[in-house]
Amino acid sequence: MIDLRPVVYVIGLVVAILGATMLVPMLVDLYYGSPDWMVFLATATITVVMGGSMSLATANTARQGLTIQQTFLLTTLIWIAL
């Protein structure tokens, strides 16, 4: 049986980083006075909270190494998550 906790931890980190990068277009919209910056802020907040929650919930397994099966699963799920 594959231990999913290290996989969920890494996916959570990647999703949280994705949410943080959504702040760049938010700042550009804010600079140019577009009202759409609020959409970017809401989406970035939700994404960072979800990714951070996934990482924090499984943080105690962060120091474990990944097996080959976990690595293949992680690669597939990262493509789906992004």
PDB file of N, CA and C in Angstrom:
ATOM      1  N   MET A   1       0.842  -1.185   0.000  1.00  0.00           N
ATOM      2  CA  MET A   1       0.000   0.000   0.000  1.00  0.00           C
ATOM      3  C   MET A   1       0.884   1.244   0.000  1.00  0.00           C
ATOM      4  N   ILE A   2       0.535   2.198  -0.815  1.00  0.00           N
ATOM      5  CA  ILE A   2       1.313   3.428  -0.937  1.00  0.00           C
ATOM      6  C   ILE A   2       0.894   4.405   0.159  1.00  0.00           C
ATOM      7  N   ASP A   3       1.894   4.963   0.846  1.00  0.00           N
ATOM      8  CA  ASP A   3       1.634   6.001   1.843  1.00  0.00           C
ATOM      9  C   ASP A   3       1.469   7.323   1.097  1.00  0.00           C
ATOM     10  N   LEU A   4       0.272   7.887   1.141  1.00  0.00           N
ATOM     11  CA  LEU A   4      -0.032   9.086   0.372  1.00  0.00           C
ATOM     12  C   LEU A   4       0.381  10.385   1.059  1.00  0.00           C
ATOM     13  N   ARG A   5       0.726  10.329   2.323  1.00  0.00           N
ATOM     14  CA  ARG A   5       1.022  11.568   3.054  1.00  0.00           C
ATOM     15  C   ARG A   5       2.192  12.361   2.473  1.00  0.00           C
ATOM     16  N   PRO A   6       3.323  11.743   2.125  1.00  0.00           N
ATOM     17  CA  PRO A   6       4.390  12.552   1.509  1.00  0.00           C
ATOM     18  C   PRO A   6       3.979  13.145   0.158  1.00  0.00           C
ATOM     19  N   VAL A   7       3.161  12.418  -0.575  1.00  0.00           N
ATOM     20  CA  VAL A   7       2.684  12.909  -1.869  1.00  0.00           C
ATOM     21  C   VAL A   7       1.771  14.111  -1.667  1.00  0.00           C
ATOM     22  N   VAL A   8       0.855  14.022  -0.713  1.00  0.00           N
ATOM     23  CA  VAL A   8      -0.062  15.127  -0.425  1.00  0.00           C
ATOM     24  C   VAL A   8       0.714  16.343   0.076  1.00  0.00           C
ATOM     25  N   TYR A   9       1.762  16.110   0.846  1.00  0.00           N
ATOM     26  CA  TYR A   9       2.592  17.213   1.347  1.00  0.00           C
ATOM     27  C   TYR A   9       3.212  18.000   0.194  1.00  0.00           C
ATOM     28  N   VAL A  10       3.805  17.303  -0.751  1.00  0.00           N
ATOM     29  CA  VAL A  10       4.461  17.975  -1.876  1.00  0.00           C
ATOM     30  C   VAL A  10       3.429  18.662  -2.769  1.00  0.00           C
ATOM     31  N   ILE A  11       2.308  18.006  -3.020  1.00  0.00           N
ATOM     32  CA  ILE A  11       1.258  18.626  -3.830  1.00  0.00           C
ATOM     33  C   ILE A  11       0.744  19.890  -3.148  1.00  0.00           C
ATOM     34  N   GLY A  12       0.592  19.846  -1.838  1.00  0.00           N
ATOM     35  CA  GLY A  12       0.158  21.030  -1.102  1.00  0.00           C
ATOM     36  C   GLY A  12       1.132  22.182  -1.249  1.00  0.00           C
ATOM     37  N   LEU A  13       2.421  21.880  -1.198  1.00  0.00           N
ATOM     38  CA  LEU A  13       3.428  22.930  -1.393  1.00  0.00           C
ATOM     39  C   LEU A  13       3.340  23.541  -2.788  1.00  0.00           C
ATOM     40  N   VAL A  14       3.193  22.694  -3.785  1.00  0.00           N
ATOM     41  CA  VAL A  14       3.123  23.186  -5.162  1.00  0.00           C
ATOM     42  C   VAL A  14       1.869  24.037  -5.368  1.00  0.00           C
ATOM     43  N   VAL A  15       0.747  23.596  -4.813  1.00  0.00           N
ATOM     44  CA  VAL A  15      -0.497  24.362  -4.947  1.00  0.00           C
ATOM     45  C   VAL A  15      -0.383  25.700  -4.215  1.00  0.00           C
ATOM     46  N   ALA A  16       0.240  25.713  -3.050  1.00  0.00           N
ATOM     47  CA  ALA A  16       0.422  26.971  -2.318  1.00  0.00           C
ATOM     48  C   ALA A  16       1.332  27.925  -3.086  1.00  0.00           C
ATOM     49  N   ILE A  17       2.369  27.407  -3.709  1.00  0.00           N
ATOM     50  CA  ILE A  17       3.253  28.249  -4.524  1.00  0.00           C
ATOM     51  C   ILE A  17       2.502  28.793  -5.736  1.00  0.00           C
ATOM     52  N   LEU A  18       1.654  27.968  -6.331  1.00  0.00           N
ATOM     53  CA  LEU A  18       0.824  28.429  -7.445  1.00  0.00           C
ATOM     54  C   LEU A  18      -0.068  29.587  -7.007  1.00  0.00           C
ATOM     55  N   GLY A  19      -0.666  29.465  -5.832  1.00  0.00           N
ATOM     56  CA  GLY A  19      -1.502  30.543  -5.316  1.00  0.00           C
ATOM     57  C   GLY A  19      -0.718  31.816  -5.069  1.00  0.00           C
ATOM     58  N   ALA A  20       0.504  31.667  -4.581  1.00  0.00           N
ATOM     59  CA  ALA A  20       1.337  32.846  -4.339  1.00  0.00           C
ATOM     60  C   ALA A  20       1.716  33.536  -5.649  1.00  0.00           C
ATOM     61  N   THR A  21       1.929  32.769  -6.705  1.00  0.00           N
ATOM     62  CA  THR A  21       2.267  33.386  -7.988  1.00  0.00           C
ATOM     63  C   THR A  21       1.070  34.088  -8.617  1.00  0.00           C
ATOM     64  N   MET A  22      -0.133  33.769  -8.165  1.00  0.00           N
ATOM     65  CA  MET A  22      -1.317  34.479  -8.657  1.00  0.00           C
ATOM     66  C   MET A  22      -1.364  35.923  -8.168  1.00  0.00           C
ATOM     67  N   LEU A  23      -0.536  36.251  -7.207  1.00  0.00           N
ATOM     68  CA  LEU A  23      -0.505  37.625  -6.710  1.00  0.00           C
ATOM     69  C   LEU A  23       0.170  38.574  -7.701  1.00  0.00           C
ATOM     70  N   VAL A  24       0.993  38.052  -8.598  1.00  0.00           N
ATOM     71  CA  VAL A  24       1.660  38.904  -9.588  1.00  0.00           C
ATOM     72  C   VAL A  24       0.641  39.542 -10.535  1.00  0.00           C
ATOM     73  N   PRO A  25      -0.251  38.769 -11.185  1.00  0.00           N
ATOM     74  CA  PRO A  25      -1.247  39.435 -12.033  1.00  0.00           C
ATOM     75  C   PRO A  25      -2.214  40.305 -11.230  1.00  0.00           C
ATOM     76  N   MET A  26      -2.436  39.955  -9.958  1.00  0.00           N
ATOM     77  CA  MET A  26      -3.278  40.801  -9.118  1.00  0.00           C
ATOM     78  C   MET A  26      -2.647  42.183  -8.958  1.00  0.00           C
ATOM     79  N   LEU A  27      -1.343  42.215  -8.708  1.00  0.00           N
ATOM     80  CA  LEU A  27      -0.654  43.492  -8.550  1.00  0.00           C
ATOM     81  C   LEU A  27      -0.651  44.298  -9.847  1.00  0.00           C
ATOM     82  N   VAL A  28      -0.530  43.621 -10.976  1.00  0.00           N
ATOM     83  CA  VAL A  28      -0.570  44.313 -12.266  1.00  0.00           C
ATOM     84  C   VAL A  28      -1.954  44.916 -12.490  1.00  0.00           C
ATOM     85  N   ASP A  29      -3.008  44.147 -12.216  1.00  0.00           N
ATOM     86  CA  ASP A  29      -4.367  44.678 -12.347  1.00  0.00           C
ATOM     87  C   ASP A  29      -4.601  45.841 -11.398  1.00  0.00           C
ATOM     88  N   LEU A  30      -4.105  45.730 -10.197  1.00  0.00           N
ATOM     89  CA  LEU A  30      -4.258  46.803  -9.217  1.00  0.00           C
ATOM     90  C   LEU A  30      -3.521  48.066  -9.677  1.00  0.00           C
ATOM     91  N   TYR A  31      -2.344  47.886 -10.245  1.00  0.00           N
ATOM     92  CA  TYR A  31      -1.553  49.019 -10.731  1.00  0.00           C
ATOM     93  C   TYR A  31      -2.278  49.765 -11.856  1.00  0.00           C
ATOM     94  N   TYR A  32      -2.892  49.006 -12.769  1.00  0.00           N
ATOM     95  CA  TYR A  32      -3.571  49.625 -13.905  1.00  0.00           C
ATOM     96  C   TYR A  32      -5.021  50.008 -13.607  1.00  0.00           C
ATOM     97  N   GLY A  33      -5.472  49.801 -12.392  1.00  0.00           N
ATOM     98  CA  GLY A  33      -6.800  50.241 -11.991  1.00  0.00           C
ATOM     99  C   GLY A  33      -7.941  49.357 -12.448  1.00  0.00           C
ATOM    100  N   SER A  34      -7.651  48.142 -12.818  1.00  0.00           N
ATOM    101  CA  SER A  34      -8.702  47.221 -13.238  1.00  0.00           C
ATOM    102  C   SER A  34      -9.402  46.648 -12.006  1.00  0.00           C
ATOM    103  N   PRO A  35     -10.721  46.516 -12.056  1.00  0.00           N
ATOM    104  CA  PRO A  35     -11.429  45.965 -10.897  1.00  0.00           C
ATOM    105  C   PRO A  35     -11.273  44.450 -10.754  1.00  0.00           C
ATOM    106  N   ASP A  36     -10.625  43.810 -11.711  1.00  0.00           N
ATOM    107  CA  ASP A  36     -10.472  42.355 -11.670  1.00  0.00           C
ATOM    108  C   ASP A  36      -9.431  41.885 -10.668  1.00  0.00           C
ATOM    109  N   TRP A  37      -8.720  42.792 -10.034  1.00  0.00           N
ATOM    110  CA  TRP A  37      -7.698  42.383  -9.072  1.00  0.00           C
ATOM    111  C   TRP A  37      -8.313  41.629  -7.902  1.00  0.00           C
ATOM    112  N   MET A  38      -9.576  41.909  -7.596  1.00  0.00           N
ATOM    113  CA  MET A  38     -10.239  41.222  -6.480  1.00  0.00           C
ATOM    114  C   MET A  38     -10.446  39.739  -6.780  1.00  0.00           C
ATOM    115  N   VAL A  39     -10.674  39.425  -8.049  1.00  0.00           N
ATOM    116  CA  VAL A  39     -10.832  38.022  -8.444  1.00  0.00           C
ATOM    117  C   VAL A  39      -9.518  37.274  -8.242  1.00  0.00           C
ATOM    118  N   PHE A  40      -8.419  37.895  -8.641  1.00  0.00           N
ATOM    119  CA  PHE A  40      -7.108  37.276  -8.436  1.00  0.00           C
ATOM    120  C   PHE A  40      -6.803  37.104  -6.951  1.00  0.00           C
ATOM    121  N   LEU A  41      -7.161  38.091  -6.157  1.00  0.00           N
ATOM    122  CA  LEU A  41      -6.914  38.004  -4.717  1.00  0.00           C
ATOM    123  C   LEU A  41      -7.722  36.878  -4.086  1.00  0.00           C
ATOM    124  N   ALA A  42      -8.994  36.777  -4.449  1.00  0.00           N
ATOM    125  CA  ALA A  42      -9.841  35.717  -3.894  1.00  0.00           C
ATOM    126  C   ALA A  42      -9.335  34.339  -4.309  1.00  0.00           C
ATOM    127  N   THR A  43      -8.994  34.204  -5.575  1.00  0.00           N
ATOM    128  CA  THR A  43      -8.506  32.918  -6.072  1.00  0.00           C
ATOM    129  C   THR A  43      -7.168  32.554  -5.441  1.00  0.00           C
ATOM    130  N   ALA A  44      -6.275  33.518  -5.326  1.00  0.00           N
ATOM    131  CA  ALA A  44      -4.974  33.262  -4.707  1.00  0.00           C
ATOM    132  C   ALA A  44      -5.136  32.879  -3.245  1.00  0.00           C
ATOM    133  N   THR A  45      -6.036  33.550  -2.547  1.00  0.00           N
ATOM    134  CA  THR A  45      -6.259  33.234  -1.135  1.00  0.00           C
ATOM    135  C   THR A  45      -6.776  31.816  -0.965  1.00  0.00           C
ATOM    136  N   ILE A  46      -7.763  31.448  -1.759  1.00  0.00           N
ATOM    137  CA  ILE A  46      -8.324  30.092  -1.675  1.00  0.00           C
ATOM    138  C   ILE A  46      -7.255  29.055  -1.999  1.00  0.00           C
ATOM    139  N   THR A  47      -6.460  29.313  -3.032  1.00  0.00           N
ATOM    140  CA  THR A  47      -5.437  28.357  -3.448  1.00  0.00           C
ATOM    141  C   THR A  47      -4.346  28.205  -2.395  1.00  0.00           C
ATOM    142  N   VAL A  48      -3.892  29.311  -1.825  1.00  0.00           N
ATOM    143  CA  VAL A  48      -2.851  29.242  -0.793  1.00  0.00           C
ATOM    144  C   VAL A  48      -3.378  28.541   0.454  1.00  0.00           C
ATOM    145  N   VAL A  49      -4.610  28.837   0.838  1.00  0.00           N
ATOM    146  CA  VAL A  49      -5.181  28.195   2.029  1.00  0.00           C
ATOM    147  C   VAL A  49      -5.334  26.692   1.811  1.00  0.00           C
ATOM    148  N   MET A  50      -5.824  26.291   0.659  1.00  0.00           N
ATOM    149  CA  MET A  50      -5.993  24.859   0.390  1.00  0.00           C
ATOM    150  C   MET A  50      -4.639  24.140   0.329  1.00  0.00           C
ATOM    151  N   GLY A  51      -3.693  24.706  -0.393  1.00  0.00           N
ATOM    152  CA  GLY A  51      -2.369  24.086  -0.478  1.00  0.00           C
ATOM    153  C   GLY A  51      -1.652  24.074   0.854  1.00  0.00           C
ATOM    154  N   GLY A  52      -1.750  25.178   1.587  1.00  0.00           N
ATOM    155  CA  GLY A  52      -1.132  25.235   2.910  1.00  0.00           C
ATOM    156  C   GLY A  52      -1.747  24.248   3.875  1.00  0.00           C
ATOM    157  N   SER A  53      -3.062  24.084   3.794  1.00  0.00           N
ATOM    158  CA  SER A  53      -3.741  23.116   4.660  1.00  0.00           C
ATOM    159  C   SER A  53      -3.288  21.696   4.355  1.00  0.00           C
ATOM    160  N   MET A  54      -3.151  21.393   3.072  1.00  0.00           N
ATOM    161  CA  MET A  54      -2.680  20.061   2.698  1.00  0.00           C
ATOM    162  C   MET A  54      -1.272  19.821   3.229  1.00  0.00           C
ATOM    163  N   SER A  55      -0.411  20.814   3.108  1.00  0.00           N
ATOM    164  CA  SER A  55       0.972  20.660   3.570  1.00  0.00           C
ATOM    165  C   SER A  55       1.058  20.587   5.088  1.00  0.00           C
ATOM    166  N   LEU A  56       0.311  21.439   5.770  1.00  0.00           N
ATOM    167  CA  LEU A  56       0.357  21.427   7.235  1.00  0.00           C
ATOM    168  C   LEU A  56      -0.229  20.146   7.816  1.00  0.00           C
ATOM    169  N   ALA A  57      -1.245  19.605   7.166  1.00  0.00           N
ATOM    170  CA  ALA A  57      -1.867  18.383   7.668  1.00  0.00           C
ATOM    171  C   ALA A  57      -0.941  17.177   7.555  1.00  0.00           C
ATOM    172  N   THR A  58      -0.009  17.234   6.633  1.00  0.00           N
ATOM    173  CA  THR A  58       0.891  16.096   6.412  1.00  0.00           C
ATOM    174  C   THR A  58       2.352  16.472   6.634  1.00  0.00           C
ATOM    175  N   ALA A  59       2.611  17.532   7.379  1.00  0.00           N
ATOM    176  CA  ALA A  59       3.979  18.036   7.550  1.00  0.00           C
ATOM    177  C   ALA A  59       4.880  17.071   8.311  1.00  0.00           C
ATOM    178  N   ASN A  60       4.322  16.210   9.143  1.00  0.00           N
ATOM    179  CA  ASN A  60       5.161  15.295   9.916  1.00  0.00           C
ATOM    180  C   ASN A  60       5.797  14.213   9.046  1.00  0.00           C
ATOM    181  N   THR A  61       5.370  14.082   7.802  1.00  0.00           N
ATOM    182  CA  THR A  61       5.954  13.085   6.898  1.00  0.00           C
ATOM    183  C   THR A  61       6.897  13.721   5.889  1.00  0.00           C
ATOM    184  N   ALA A  62       7.230  14.985   6.076  1.00  0.00           N
ATOM    185  CA  ALA A  62       8.035  15.702   5.084  1.00  0.00           C
ATOM    186  C   ALA A  62       9.448  15.152   4.970  1.00  0.00           C
ATOM    187  N   ARG A  63       9.968  14.555   6.004  1.00  0.00           N
ATOM    188  CA  ARG A  63      11.359  14.098   5.990  1.00  0.00           C
ATOM    189  C   ARG A  63      11.511  12.680   5.433  1.00  0.00           C
ATOM    190  N   GLN A  64      10.412  12.042   5.136  1.00  0.00           N
ATOM    191  CA  GLN A  64      10.493  10.712   4.549  1.00  0.00           C
ATOM    192  C   GLN A  64      10.892  10.828   3.083  1.00  0.00           C
ATOM    193  N   GLY A  65      11.626   9.849   2.626  1.00  0.00           N
ATOM    194  CA  GLY A  65      11.950   9.807   1.208  1.00  0.00           C
ATOM    195  C   GLY A  65      10.766   9.268   0.421  1.00  0.00           C
ATOM    196  N   LEU A  66      10.760   9.520  -0.860  1.00  0.00           N
ATOM    197  CA  LEU A  66       9.684   9.036  -1.712  1.00  0.00           C
ATOM    198  C   LEU A  66      10.113   7.743  -2.395  1.00  0.00           C
ATOM    199  N   THR A  67       9.201   6.793  -2.463  1.00  0.00           N
ATOM    200  CA  THR A  67       9.458   5.560  -3.199  1.00  0.00           C
ATOM    201  C   THR A  67       9.194   5.808  -4.680  1.00  0.00           C
ATOM    202  N   ILE A  68       9.528   4.836  -5.497  1.00  0.00           N
ATOM    203  CA  ILE A  68       9.294   4.953  -6.938  1.00  0.00           C
ATOM    204  C   ILE A  68       7.803   5.098  -7.222  1.00  0.00           C
ATOM    205  N   GLN A  69       6.975   4.317  -6.534  1.00  0.00           N
ATOM    206  CA  GLN A  69       5.530   4.397  -6.748  1.00  0.00           C
ATOM    207  C   GLN A  69       4.993   5.776  -6.363  1.00  0.00           C
ATOM    208  N   GLN A  70       5.476   6.307  -5.252  1.00  0.00           N
ATOM    209  CA  GLN A  70       5.032   7.629  -4.817  1.00  0.00           C
ATOM    210  C   GLN A  70       5.474   8.705  -5.804  1.00  0.00           C
ATOM    211  N   THR A  71       6.657   8.540  -6.365  1.00  0.00           N
ATOM    212  CA  THR A  71       7.160   9.518  -7.321  1.00  0.00           C
ATOM    213  C   THR A  71       6.322   9.531  -8.593  1.00  0.00           C
ATOM    214  N   PHE A  72       5.973   8.352  -9.097  1.00  0.00           N
ATOM    215  CA  PHE A  72       5.115   8.292 -10.279  1.00  0.00           C
ATOM    216  C   PHE A  72       3.734   8.874  -9.982  1.00  0.00           C
ATOM    217  N   LEU A  73       3.182   8.545  -8.831  1.00  0.00           N
ATOM    218  CA  LEU A  73       1.885   9.087  -8.440  1.00  0.00           C
ATOM    219  C   LEU A  73       1.958  10.599  -8.278  1.00  0.00           C
ATOM    220  N   LEU A  74       3.028  11.086  -7.671  1.00  0.00           N
ATOM    221  CA  LEU A  74       3.209  12.523  -7.471  1.00  0.00           C
ATOM    222  C   LEU A  74       3.267  13.255  -8.807  1.00  0.00           C
ATOM    223  N   THR A  75       4.005  12.712  -9.755  1.00  0.00           N
ATOM    224  CA  THR A  75       4.110  13.340 -11.068  1.00  0.00           C
ATOM    225  C   THR A  75       2.747  13.437 -11.745  1.00  0.00           C
ATOM    226  N   THR A  76       1.986  12.371 -11.692  1.00  0.00           N
ATOM    227  CA  THR A  76       0.657  12.365 -12.302  1.00  0.00           C
ATOM    228  C   THR A  76      -0.272  13.354 -11.617  1.00  0.00           C
ATOM    229  N   LEU A  77      -0.281  13.351 -10.298  1.00  0.00           N
ATOM    230  CA  LEU A  77      -1.192  14.228  -9.565  1.00  0.00           C
ATOM    231  C   LEU A  77      -0.804  15.698  -9.669  1.00  0.00           C
ATOM    232  N   ILE A  78       0.478  15.986  -9.800  1.00  0.00           N
ATOM    233  CA  ILE A  78       0.897  17.379  -9.999  1.00  0.00           C
ATOM    234  C   ILE A  78       0.347  17.901 -11.320  1.00  0.00           C
ATOM    235  N   TRP A  79       0.416  17.082 -12.364  1.00  0.00           N
ATOM    236  CA  TRP A  79      -0.125  17.511 -13.650  1.00  0.00           C
ATOM    237  C   TRP A  79      -1.634  17.727 -13.563  1.00  0.00           C
ATOM    238  N   ILE A  80      -2.313  16.901 -12.808  1.00  0.00           N
ATOM    239  CA  ILE A  80      -3.765  17.068 -12.649  1.00  0.00           C
ATOM    240  C   ILE A  80      -4.073  18.301 -11.805  1.00  0.00           C
ATOM    241  N   ALA A  81      -3.317  18.515 -10.740  1.00  0.00           N
ATOM    242  CA  ALA A  81      -3.583  19.638  -9.832  1.00  0.00           C
ATOM    243  C   ALA A  81      -3.320  20.980 -10.494  1.00  0.00           C
ATOM    244  N   LEU A  82      -2.344  21.028 -11.372  1.00  0.00           N
ATOM    245  CA  LEU A  82      -2.033  22.303 -12.013  1.00  0.00           C
ATOM    246  C   LEU A  82      -2.852  22.479 -13.259  1.00  0.00           C
TER     247      LEU A  82
END
